[in-house]
Structures are given as structure tokens and as C-alpha cells.
Protein backbone atom coordinates (compact mmCIF):
# COMPACT_ATOMS: atom_id res chain seq x y z
CA MET A 1 109.39 72.08 69.89
CA SER A 2 110.72 74.97 67.81
CA LYS A 3 114.32 76.08 68.18
CA PRO A 4 114.64 79.28 70.27
CA LYS A 5 115.73 82.41 68.48
CA VAL A 6 119.24 83.64 69.10
CA PHE A 7 118.10 86.61 71.19
CA GLU A 8 115.73 84.59 73.41
CA LYS A 9 116.57 83.34 76.90
CA PRO A 10 114.93 80.80 79.26
CA ILE A 11 111.93 81.86 81.32
CA GLY A 12 112.80 83.25 84.74
CA VAL A 13 116.27 84.64 83.94
CA LYS A 14 117.22 88.23 83.18
CA ASP A 15 119.79 90.34 81.43
CA TYR A 16 121.02 93.22 83.58
CA LEU A 17 121.99 96.32 81.62
CA PRO A 18 124.73 98.69 82.85
CA GLU A 19 122.42 101.00 84.84
CA ALA A 20 120.82 98.05 86.67
CA VAL A 21 124.23 96.47 87.29
CA ALA A 22 125.49 99.73 88.80
CA LYS A 23 122.54 99.75 91.21
CA LEU A 24 122.95 96.04 92.01
CA ARG A 25 126.66 96.45 92.75
CA ASN A 26 125.92 99.51 94.87
CA ILE A 27 123.45 97.50 96.95
CA GLU A 28 125.91 94.62 97.26
CA HIS A 29 128.80 96.84 98.33
CA SER A 30 126.74 98.89 100.79
CA VAL A 31 125.16 95.86 102.44
CA LEU A 32 128.35 93.78 102.68
CA THR A 33 130.15 96.79 104.17
CA CYS A 34 127.37 97.10 106.75
CA MET A 35 127.64 93.40 107.60
CA GLU A 36 131.43 93.61 107.88
CA ARG A 37 131.08 96.40 110.42
CA TRP A 38 128.95 94.05 112.51
CA GLY A 39 131.74 91.45 112.47
CA TYR A 40 130.54 89.22 109.61
CA ASN A 41 133.15 87.96 107.14
CA GLN A 42 132.23 87.13 103.56
CA ILE A 43 132.28 83.59 102.23
CA ILE A 44 131.90 82.27 98.65
CA THR A 45 130.68 78.74 97.91
CA PRO A 46 130.42 76.95 94.55
CA THR A 47 127.42 77.28 92.28
CA LEU A 48 127.21 73.47 91.98
CA GLU A 49 126.66 71.18 94.98
CA PHE A 50 125.91 67.48 95.43
CA TYR A 51 122.21 66.70 95.55
CA ASP A 52 122.65 64.04 98.26
CA THR A 53 124.29 66.51 100.67
CA VAL A 54 123.49 70.20 100.22
CA GLY A 55 120.52 69.60 97.93
CA ALA A 56 118.83 67.21 100.33
CA ALA A 57 119.49 69.48 103.31
CA SER A 58 118.19 72.61 101.59
CA SER A 59 114.98 74.32 102.61
CA THR A 60 113.91 74.33 98.95
CA GLU A 61 111.31 71.83 97.77
CA ASP A 62 112.85 69.02 95.73
CA LYS A 63 110.76 69.87 92.67
CA LYS A 64 112.19 73.40 92.66
CA LEU A 65 115.82 72.28 92.45
CA PHE A 66 117.77 72.47 89.19
CA LYS A 67 119.36 69.03 88.87
CA LEU A 68 122.01 67.78 86.46
CA LEU A 69 124.38 64.82 86.14
CA ASP A 70 128.16 64.93 86.02
CA ARG A 71 130.20 62.55 83.86
CA LYS A 72 130.10 59.88 86.56
CA GLY A 73 126.30 59.99 86.76
CA THR A 74 126.28 61.74 90.15
CA THR A 75 123.35 64.11 90.66
CA LEU A 76 124.31 67.73 91.21
CA VAL A 77 122.18 70.79 91.93
CA LEU A 78 122.52 74.48 91.28
CA ARG A 79 122.49 76.04 94.74
CA SER A 80 118.95 77.11 95.61
CA GLU A 81 119.89 79.04 98.77
CA MET A 82 123.03 79.73 100.77
CA THR A 83 122.34 78.39 104.26
CA ALA A 84 122.93 74.70 103.50
CA PRO A 85 126.20 75.32 101.58
CA ILE A 86 127.49 77.44 104.47
CA ALA A 87 126.50 74.70 106.93
CA ARG A 88 128.63 72.30 104.86
CA VAL A 89 131.63 74.66 105.05
CA VAL A 90 131.18 75.29 108.79
CA SER A 91 131.20 71.53 109.38
CA SER A 92 134.24 70.85 107.19
CA LEU A 93 136.68 73.61 106.27
CA LEU A 94 135.83 75.62 109.40
CA LYS A 95 135.45 72.68 111.78
CA GLU A 96 138.48 73.78 113.83
CA HIS A 97 137.14 77.32 114.24
CA LYS A 98 135.41 78.05 117.54
CA PHE A 99 131.83 79.16 117.78
CA PRO A 100 130.20 81.55 117.32
CA LEU A 101 130.95 82.05 113.62
CA ARG A 102 129.67 85.13 111.80
CA LEU A 103 129.61 84.73 108.02
CA SER A 104 128.15 86.85 105.21
CA TYR A 105 127.60 86.24 101.50
CA HIS A 106 126.33 87.67 98.23
CA SER A 107 125.46 85.07 95.60
CA ASN A 108 123.13 84.14 92.80
CA VAL A 109 120.80 81.22 93.55
CA PHE A 110 118.52 79.14 91.35
CA ARG A 111 114.98 77.82 91.72
CA ALA A 112 113.11 75.78 89.10
CA ILE A 113 109.74 77.46 88.66
CA GLU A 114 106.52 77.05 86.81
CA GLU A 115 105.75 79.61 84.14
CA GLU A 116 104.35 82.17 86.57
CA ALA A 117 104.58 85.92 86.15
CA GLY A 118 106.92 87.67 88.56
CA ARG A 119 108.91 84.58 89.57
CA ASP A 120 112.64 84.39 88.92
CA ALA A 121 114.57 81.18 88.26
CA GLU A 122 117.83 82.99 89.06
CA PHE A 123 118.14 85.79 91.59
CA PHE A 124 120.59 87.33 94.02
CA GLN A 125 120.71 87.06 97.80
CA THR A 126 122.84 88.91 100.33
CA GLY A 127 122.78 87.57 103.87
CA VAL A 128 124.44 86.34 107.05
CA GLU A 129 124.59 83.23 109.20
CA LEU A 130 125.35 83.37 112.94
CA VAL A 131 126.37 79.83 113.89
CA GLY A 132 126.95 78.46 117.39
CA ASP A 133 124.80 80.81 119.46
CA GLY A 134 121.31 79.72 120.50
CA SER A 135 120.45 82.77 122.61
CA SER A 136 117.77 85.39 122.18
CA GLU A 137 120.63 87.90 121.90
CA ALA A 138 121.75 86.15 118.69
CA ASP A 139 118.23 86.20 117.24
CA ALA A 140 117.88 89.89 118.04
CA GLU A 141 121.29 90.62 116.54
CA VAL A 142 120.40 89.18 113.13
CA ILE A 143 117.05 91.03 113.11
CA ALA A 144 118.77 94.32 114.00
CA LEU A 145 121.39 93.64 111.34
CA ALA A 146 118.66 92.86 108.79
CA ILE A 147 117.14 96.28 109.53
CA ALA A 148 120.53 97.99 109.19
CA SER A 149 121.20 96.10 105.95
CA LEU A 150 117.87 97.11 104.40
CA GLN A 151 118.61 100.71 105.27
CA ALA A 152 122.10 100.41 103.79
CA ALA A 153 120.55 98.99 100.61
CA GLY A 154 118.37 102.07 100.25
CA VAL A 155 115.03 100.60 101.40
CA ASN A 156 113.51 103.34 103.52
CA LYS A 157 109.96 102.15 104.25
CA PHE A 158 109.64 98.61 105.58
CA LYS A 159 108.49 96.53 108.52
CA ILE A 160 109.88 93.31 109.99
CA ALA A 161 107.23 90.71 110.89
CA LEU A 162 108.42 88.45 113.72
CA GLY A 163 106.99 84.98 114.41
CA HIS A 164 107.90 81.73 116.16
CA VAL A 165 107.19 78.21 114.92
CA GLY A 166 107.34 76.87 118.49
CA PHE A 167 104.22 78.76 119.48
CA LEU A 168 102.21 77.31 116.61
CA ASN A 169 103.54 73.80 117.22
CA GLY A 170 102.55 74.02 120.87
CA LEU A 171 99.12 75.45 120.10
CA PHE A 172 98.37 72.73 117.53
CA ARG A 173 99.64 70.01 119.86
CA GLU A 174 97.24 71.23 122.54
CA THR A 175 94.22 71.67 120.26
CA LEU A 176 94.70 68.99 117.59
CA GLY A 177 96.65 66.37 119.50
CA GLY A 178 98.20 63.79 117.21
CA ASN A 179 96.13 64.72 114.14
CA VAL A 180 99.15 65.26 111.87
CA GLU A 181 97.07 65.71 108.72
CA ALA A 182 95.00 68.48 110.29
CA GLN A 183 98.15 70.23 111.53
CA LYS A 184 99.72 70.07 108.07
CA LEU A 185 96.54 71.37 106.42
CA LEU A 186 96.38 74.41 108.69
CA LYS A 187 100.12 75.08 108.47
CA ASP A 188 99.98 75.01 104.68
CA CYS A 189 97.25 77.64 104.77
CA LEU A 190 99.30 79.86 107.09
CA LEU A 191 102.47 79.35 105.05
CA ASN A 192 100.63 80.62 101.96
CA ARG A 193 98.84 83.36 103.99
CA ASP A 194 95.53 81.84 102.93
CA TYR A 195 93.50 82.94 105.95
CA VAL A 196 90.18 82.25 104.22
CA GLY A 197 91.37 78.71 103.55
CA TYR A 198 92.53 78.45 107.17
CA ARG A 199 89.04 79.33 108.45
CA ASP A 200 87.39 76.95 105.99
CA ALA A 201 89.78 74.16 107.02
CA ILE A 202 88.90 74.62 110.71
CA GLN A 203 85.21 74.31 109.91
CA SER A 204 85.80 71.20 107.79
CA LEU A 205 87.64 69.46 110.66
CA GLU A 206 84.46 69.41 112.79
CA LEU A 207 86.30 70.42 115.95
CA PRO A 208 84.60 71.25 119.26
CA PRO A 209 83.41 74.88 119.41
CA HIS A 210 85.94 75.92 122.06
CA VAL A 211 88.80 74.50 119.96
CA GLN A 212 87.54 76.29 116.85
CA LYS A 213 87.36 79.54 118.82
CA GLU A 214 90.93 79.08 120.05
CA LEU A 215 92.31 78.35 116.57
CA LEU A 216 90.41 81.24 114.99
CA GLY A 217 91.47 83.64 117.74
CA PHE A 218 95.07 82.78 116.91
CA LEU A 219 94.71 84.85 113.71
CA ARG A 220 94.44 88.03 115.81
CA LEU A 221 97.89 87.61 117.33
CA ARG A 222 99.47 90.35 115.26
CA GLY A 223 100.68 93.67 116.65
CA GLY A 224 103.24 95.11 119.03
CA GLU A 225 104.67 94.16 122.41
CA GLU A 226 101.17 93.55 123.79
CA ILE A 227 100.94 90.37 121.67
CA CYS A 228 103.39 88.64 124.02
CA GLU A 229 100.94 88.87 126.92
CA GLN A 230 97.92 88.03 124.75
CA ALA A 231 99.65 84.93 123.39
CA ARG A 232 100.37 83.65 126.91
CA MET A 233 96.62 83.57 127.53
CA VAL A 234 95.81 81.60 124.35
CA THR A 235 97.48 78.31 125.27
CA GLN A 236 99.12 76.71 128.30
CA ASP A 237 101.19 74.30 126.24
CA PRO A 238 104.79 74.39 127.58
CA ILE A 239 106.33 74.54 124.08
CA ALA A 240 104.16 77.52 123.19
CA GLN A 241 104.86 79.20 126.53
CA GLU A 242 108.63 78.79 126.04
CA ALA A 243 108.33 80.24 122.52
CA ILE A 244 106.60 83.34 123.86
CA ARG A 245 109.17 83.72 126.64
CA HIS A 246 111.94 83.61 124.04
CA MET A 247 110.15 86.07 121.75
CA CYS A 248 109.67 88.53 124.61
CA GLU A 249 113.41 88.37 125.30
CA VAL A 250 114.14 89.05 121.63
CA TRP A 251 111.77 92.02 121.71
CA ASN A 252 113.51 93.49 124.77
CA VAL A 253 116.89 93.25 123.04
CA LEU A 254 115.47 94.90 119.93
CA LYS A 255 114.24 97.76 122.12
CA ALA A 256 117.79 98.10 123.43
CA TYR A 257 119.02 98.29 119.83
CA GLY A 258 116.46 101.05 119.26
CA VAL A 259 114.78 99.27 116.32
CA SER A 260 111.60 97.82 117.86
CA GLU A 261 109.50 100.42 116.02
CA GLN A 262 110.50 98.68 112.78
CA VAL A 263 109.19 95.32 114.07
CA VAL A 264 105.71 93.85 114.48
CA ILE A 265 104.91 90.52 116.10
CA ASP A 266 102.94 88.20 113.81
CA LEU A 267 102.50 84.73 115.25
CA THR A 268 100.61 83.63 112.12
CA MET A 269 103.88 84.00 110.15
CA ILE A 270 105.75 80.70 110.37
CA GLY A 271 108.13 80.51 107.41
CA ASP A 272 109.01 77.06 106.10
CA PHE A 273 107.85 74.98 109.07
CA SER A 274 109.93 71.95 108.02
CA TYR A 275 113.14 74.01 108.15
CA TYR A 276 112.94 76.59 110.92
CA THR A 277 112.98 75.55 114.55
CA GLY A 278 112.24 78.79 116.41
CA MET A 279 112.09 82.49 115.66
CA THR A 280 111.29 83.46 112.06
CA PHE A 281 110.94 86.86 110.42
CA GLU A 282 110.24 88.56 107.10
CA GLY A 283 110.76 92.12 105.94
CA PHE A 284 108.15 93.85 103.80
CA SER A 285 108.62 97.07 101.86
CA SER A 286 105.65 99.38 101.47
CA ASP A 287 106.56 99.64 97.77
CA LEU A 288 106.46 95.91 97.00
CA GLY A 289 104.02 93.12 97.73
CA PHE A 290 106.73 90.49 98.20
CA PRO A 291 109.14 90.10 101.14
CA VAL A 292 112.49 91.83 100.69
CA CYS A 293 114.19 89.72 103.35
CA SER A 294 113.53 86.59 105.40
CA GLY A 295 115.29 84.64 108.09
CA GLY A 296 115.06 82.71 111.31
CA ARG A 297 116.51 80.03 113.55
CA TYR A 298 117.40 76.60 112.16
CA ASP A 299 119.02 74.59 114.96
CA ASN A 300 118.76 71.17 113.26
CA LEU A 301 120.60 71.83 110.01
CA LEU A 302 124.22 71.67 111.18
CA GLY A 303 123.64 68.21 112.64
CA GLN A 304 123.00 66.87 109.13
CA PHE A 305 126.61 67.74 108.31
CA GLY A 306 128.08 66.18 111.45
CA ARG A 307 128.61 69.29 113.56
CA PRO A 308 125.44 69.96 115.58
CA ALA A 309 125.08 73.61 116.55
CA PRO A 310 122.35 76.23 116.91
CA ALA A 311 122.23 78.78 114.11
CA THR A 312 120.25 81.77 112.93
CA GLY A 313 120.47 84.13 109.97
CA PHE A 314 118.71 85.96 107.18
CA ALA A 315 118.89 86.72 103.47
CA LEU A 316 118.06 89.95 101.70
CA LYS A 317 116.29 89.34 98.41
CA THR A 318 118.64 91.63 96.55
CA THR A 319 116.90 91.36 93.19
CA ARG A 320 113.60 92.49 94.73
CA ILE A 321 115.34 95.36 96.48
CA LEU A 322 116.57 96.41 93.05
CA GLU A 323 112.90 96.69 92.03
CA VAL A 324 112.12 98.82 95.10
CA ILE A 325 114.83 101.37 94.33
CA SER A 326 114.56 101.10 90.51
CA GLN A 327 112.96 104.53 90.29
CA GLU A 328 115.75 106.18 92.24
CA ALA A 329 118.63 107.48 90.17
CA ILE A 330 122.16 106.56 91.21
CA GLU A 331 124.72 109.19 90.39
CA ALA A 332 127.11 107.37 88.08
CA ALA A 333 130.55 108.88 87.62
CA LEU A 334 131.01 110.01 84.04
CA PRO A 335 134.32 109.23 82.33
CA THR A 336 136.77 111.77 81.00
CA LEU A 337 137.25 111.57 77.24
CA ILE A 338 140.80 111.84 75.89
CA VAL A 339 140.95 112.47 72.15
CA TYR A 340 144.35 112.19 70.45
CA THR A 341 146.04 112.01 67.09
CA ALA A 342 148.40 109.21 66.11
CA GLU A 343 151.39 111.50 66.62
CA CYS A 344 150.38 112.18 70.24
CA ARG A 345 149.28 108.64 71.12
CA GLN A 346 151.96 107.92 73.75
CA GLU A 347 151.46 111.19 75.60
CA ALA A 348 147.68 110.75 75.59
CA LEU A 349 147.68 107.14 76.78
CA GLN A 350 150.18 107.90 79.53
CA LYS A 351 147.93 110.73 80.68
CA ALA A 352 144.96 108.34 80.69
CA GLN A 353 146.91 105.79 82.73
CA GLY A 354 147.92 108.44 85.24
CA LEU A 355 144.34 109.64 85.72
CA ARG A 356 143.11 106.06 86.19
CA SER A 357 145.78 104.94 88.65
CA GLU A 358 146.56 108.10 90.61
CA ASP A 359 143.24 109.91 90.73
CA GLY A 360 140.86 106.96 90.25
CA ILE A 361 139.15 108.69 87.35
CA GLN A 362 137.31 106.71 84.69
CA VAL A 363 138.88 107.50 81.30
CA VAL A 364 137.84 106.68 77.75
CA THR A 365 140.34 107.21 74.93
CA CYS A 366 139.66 107.86 71.26
CA LEU A 367 142.08 108.04 68.33
CA SER A 368 141.06 110.85 65.99
CA GLY A 369 142.41 113.13 63.33
CA LEU A 370 141.43 116.74 63.08
CA ASP A 371 137.86 115.56 62.77
CA ALA A 372 135.52 118.45 62.15
CA GLY A 373 132.54 116.12 62.56
CA LEU A 374 133.62 115.25 66.09
CA LEU A 375 134.07 118.90 67.03
CA ASN A 376 130.76 119.90 65.51
CA GLY A 377 129.01 117.20 67.57
CA LEU A 378 130.56 118.38 70.80
CA LYS A 379 128.95 120.75 73.28
CA ARG A 380 129.04 121.60 76.95
CA LEU A 381 125.75 121.24 78.81
CA PRO A 382 124.48 123.68 81.47
CA ASN A 383 125.43 121.19 84.24
CA GLY A 384 129.02 121.21 83.06
CA GLN A 385 128.95 117.80 81.40
CA VAL A 386 130.27 117.42 77.87
CA GLN A 387 128.27 115.73 75.15
CA VAL A 388 130.14 114.14 72.25
CA GLU A 389 128.12 112.45 69.53
CA GLY A 390 125.33 111.63 72.00
CA ASN A 391 127.61 110.31 74.80
CA LEU A 392 128.17 112.17 78.06
CA TYR A 393 131.56 112.83 79.67
CA SER A 394 132.72 114.81 82.67
CA ASP A 395 135.41 116.50 80.60
CA VAL A 396 137.35 116.28 77.32
CA LEU A 397 141.12 116.45 76.95
CA ALA A 398 142.69 116.79 73.51
CA PHE A 399 146.18 115.74 72.41
CA GLY A 400 147.25 116.82 68.94
CA LEU A 401 144.03 118.69 68.32
CA ALA A 402 143.89 122.48 68.40
CA LEU A 403 143.07 123.22 72.03
CA PRO A 404 141.92 126.80 71.42
CA ALA A 405 139.49 125.55 68.79
CA LEU A 406 138.27 122.80 71.12
CA ASP A 407 137.87 125.24 73.99
CA ALA A 408 135.91 127.54 71.75
CA VAL A 409 133.54 124.72 70.90
CA LEU A 410 133.15 123.80 74.56
CA ASP A 411 132.41 127.38 75.53
CA ARG A 412 129.86 127.83 72.80
CA GLU A 413 126.94 126.51 74.93
């Protein structure tokens, strides 16, 4: 294998230039501020975790984990998501804190990927976990907060698709009985949104006609509040009926929040069925084909860390949101340029320090003589900005240079 060139980087990772970083930080700040106003406090966990604890408990497939060995030969992983690390902290450092706990985060996570276009090996997530509350009120709260967070991030056109793994589990138990392989086959199709494959799989199973009709009719359970009543008629399984009852409660709370118009019920959407235990949801932007957020209830995870508790949460896919708003300009504050001669250095630098600390102004300083080239390359633009040798500034202050001459140059445009 040839040695990579010095400017190359591994597949799936990116360099973020200043303009993109400004947008990313703006999203991060706006979203975390929104979450803080809802009572969620930020937490930071390490990039590296033990494979046998957080790695094994993660929702990420084992083959998608980045693994490495420490000096003792212990297997570590780069965190692939934030829910399992937070579960570890809740069960250890926060074990004396009473439930419910409301925690938020913004972190980079890592997934080992095949060489596929559009997939990132490193990306950013911003999200929350609500631990210790198993009610429909808690599920509705995180959905409403996800909507508020997307709006705070600058995503204007989106829909939240709401599902429930309990309904599907109950339906499959009633129609497929103990046929685990058939259940897994159909769930895999739904997880990948392969509805053609789902229909083909039903035909290949050679099921009775009435069972085929029931399983195919399940695909139509997508829409608004009316889906709750339609779903009750599909199956009498008690697990499925309880799932629908819970979902209807969540919907009623979302109506009270005033956000139900942003939500559609989609019972074909199940999320990672090995991880979630109840309500699941995903947010889709009209400007992007991939989800911009996902979440749901995961009541079994905390028990793996010795502190059983119900929990629900979501993560914004911050890197994808950056793609959604990439065409929108963010007004970046331009710095003030202070140009000075060696004789006036102290006065100029003290002025720069005062502007930075007292007024919060961004300041760039430049040592210069009576440089005619600098003055000739300086002009004021119609919008009031100052251009100096191709760089833009909000203003220029001169120390040791002839101010009348500089003003004359500035006023020339």
C-alpha cells in the first residue's frame, strides 16, 4: 500500500474551515442554550471508553466501532454515540442524584464505515437524555424539545416521524408467533425502509392470506392523529394495544405544547429495534434526504450499568444540519485593524487590549512604517467596511501614521 501524501486524510473525516466552524459553533451555542432553558445541564464524557462496558452497551453495531488497545492490552473504543457513556455516568458519578435527571451534550462521535459516499466516520451530535421518568409526558417533552432545538439550529422546514416498537412487536407476535427468523427478516426491511423487500419477504414466507393482508396493511399506518384509531383495529395483541394507548397520550401532550402540526405518526418507523423499547422518532428536513435528528425510549440500558431506570432522549445530527443551512450566510463580525509604527507600539497595543476586553470587539494589530503600499491598497466599501490588501475590516485605526492622509484614503471611495 502506498504511503499517503502529506495533505491527504482518512476517508470519512473532514477539515472544517473558518466559515464552517463559525456556523457549527453557532448551531452548538444556539441549541445548547435552548436545551438549558428547558432545564438540561451539559455533560462532557471522554472520547475513549472501554469496549467491554460502554462499547458493548452501545446501540452501534460491533463492526462499526473504532477499536484500539491500550498498553495493557485492554480493548478501548472511540465513542460511537453519547447515550451509553451518559448511562455510565448516571450510574456512577451521579448515582446519588435523584431522578429525573436532565442532561445535554455536544460531542464528536466516531463510526467505522465502508467506503460509501456521503457517510462520515467522525461527526457531531447535540442531544439530551431524560433519565428516570417513564411517562408519556417525558416522551412528549423530548419530542417538543427536539422541535425547539431544530428551530434554534436554523432548520425551518422539517417533520418529526413518530413510531413505537411495542406496536410492531405485538403485531408480529400475533401474526408470526414464535417465528423469530421471519420477525427479524421483516424488521430488517423496515429498519432500512425497504418496503419492496418487506412485501417480497411476506410473500416468500407463505403465510395465510388473512395474515399477509394484515402485515401488508400495516404499511398504511402513516399519517396524523387518525392513525391511533386505525392502529387499534389492526391487532388485538395487548402489547400493541398498550403501545397505541401510550402513543395517543404522547400525541395529546404534543398538542398541548402546540407542536403536533410538526409531527406525523409512522408506525413503520422502528429505529434500532434491539436498542429502543418504546416510542421512537426521527426528524427529516425537506432540504436533506437523511434524518437530522433521532431519538426514543430505551428503558433497558441503565440496568446494564447497575442502576435500572427508564430513559428517553434524542440527538441532533449537527453535521447534517450544517449541510442544511450551508447556503445561508451567517453574519460574522469583522475585526478592527490597528496599524502602528514601532514608536507608537505601546499606545496601539493598549488600545487593542481595551477594545477587546471592554467592548468585546475583535481586533487585529499590524506593525507598519509609513507604508505607501498599504495605504494604496486600502479603500472603504459602499457598505462601510474597509478593505486592506484583500482583507475586510469593520474599521481601521492608525497610530504613528498620518491620520489625515489615512482618512483621505478611506474617504476616497
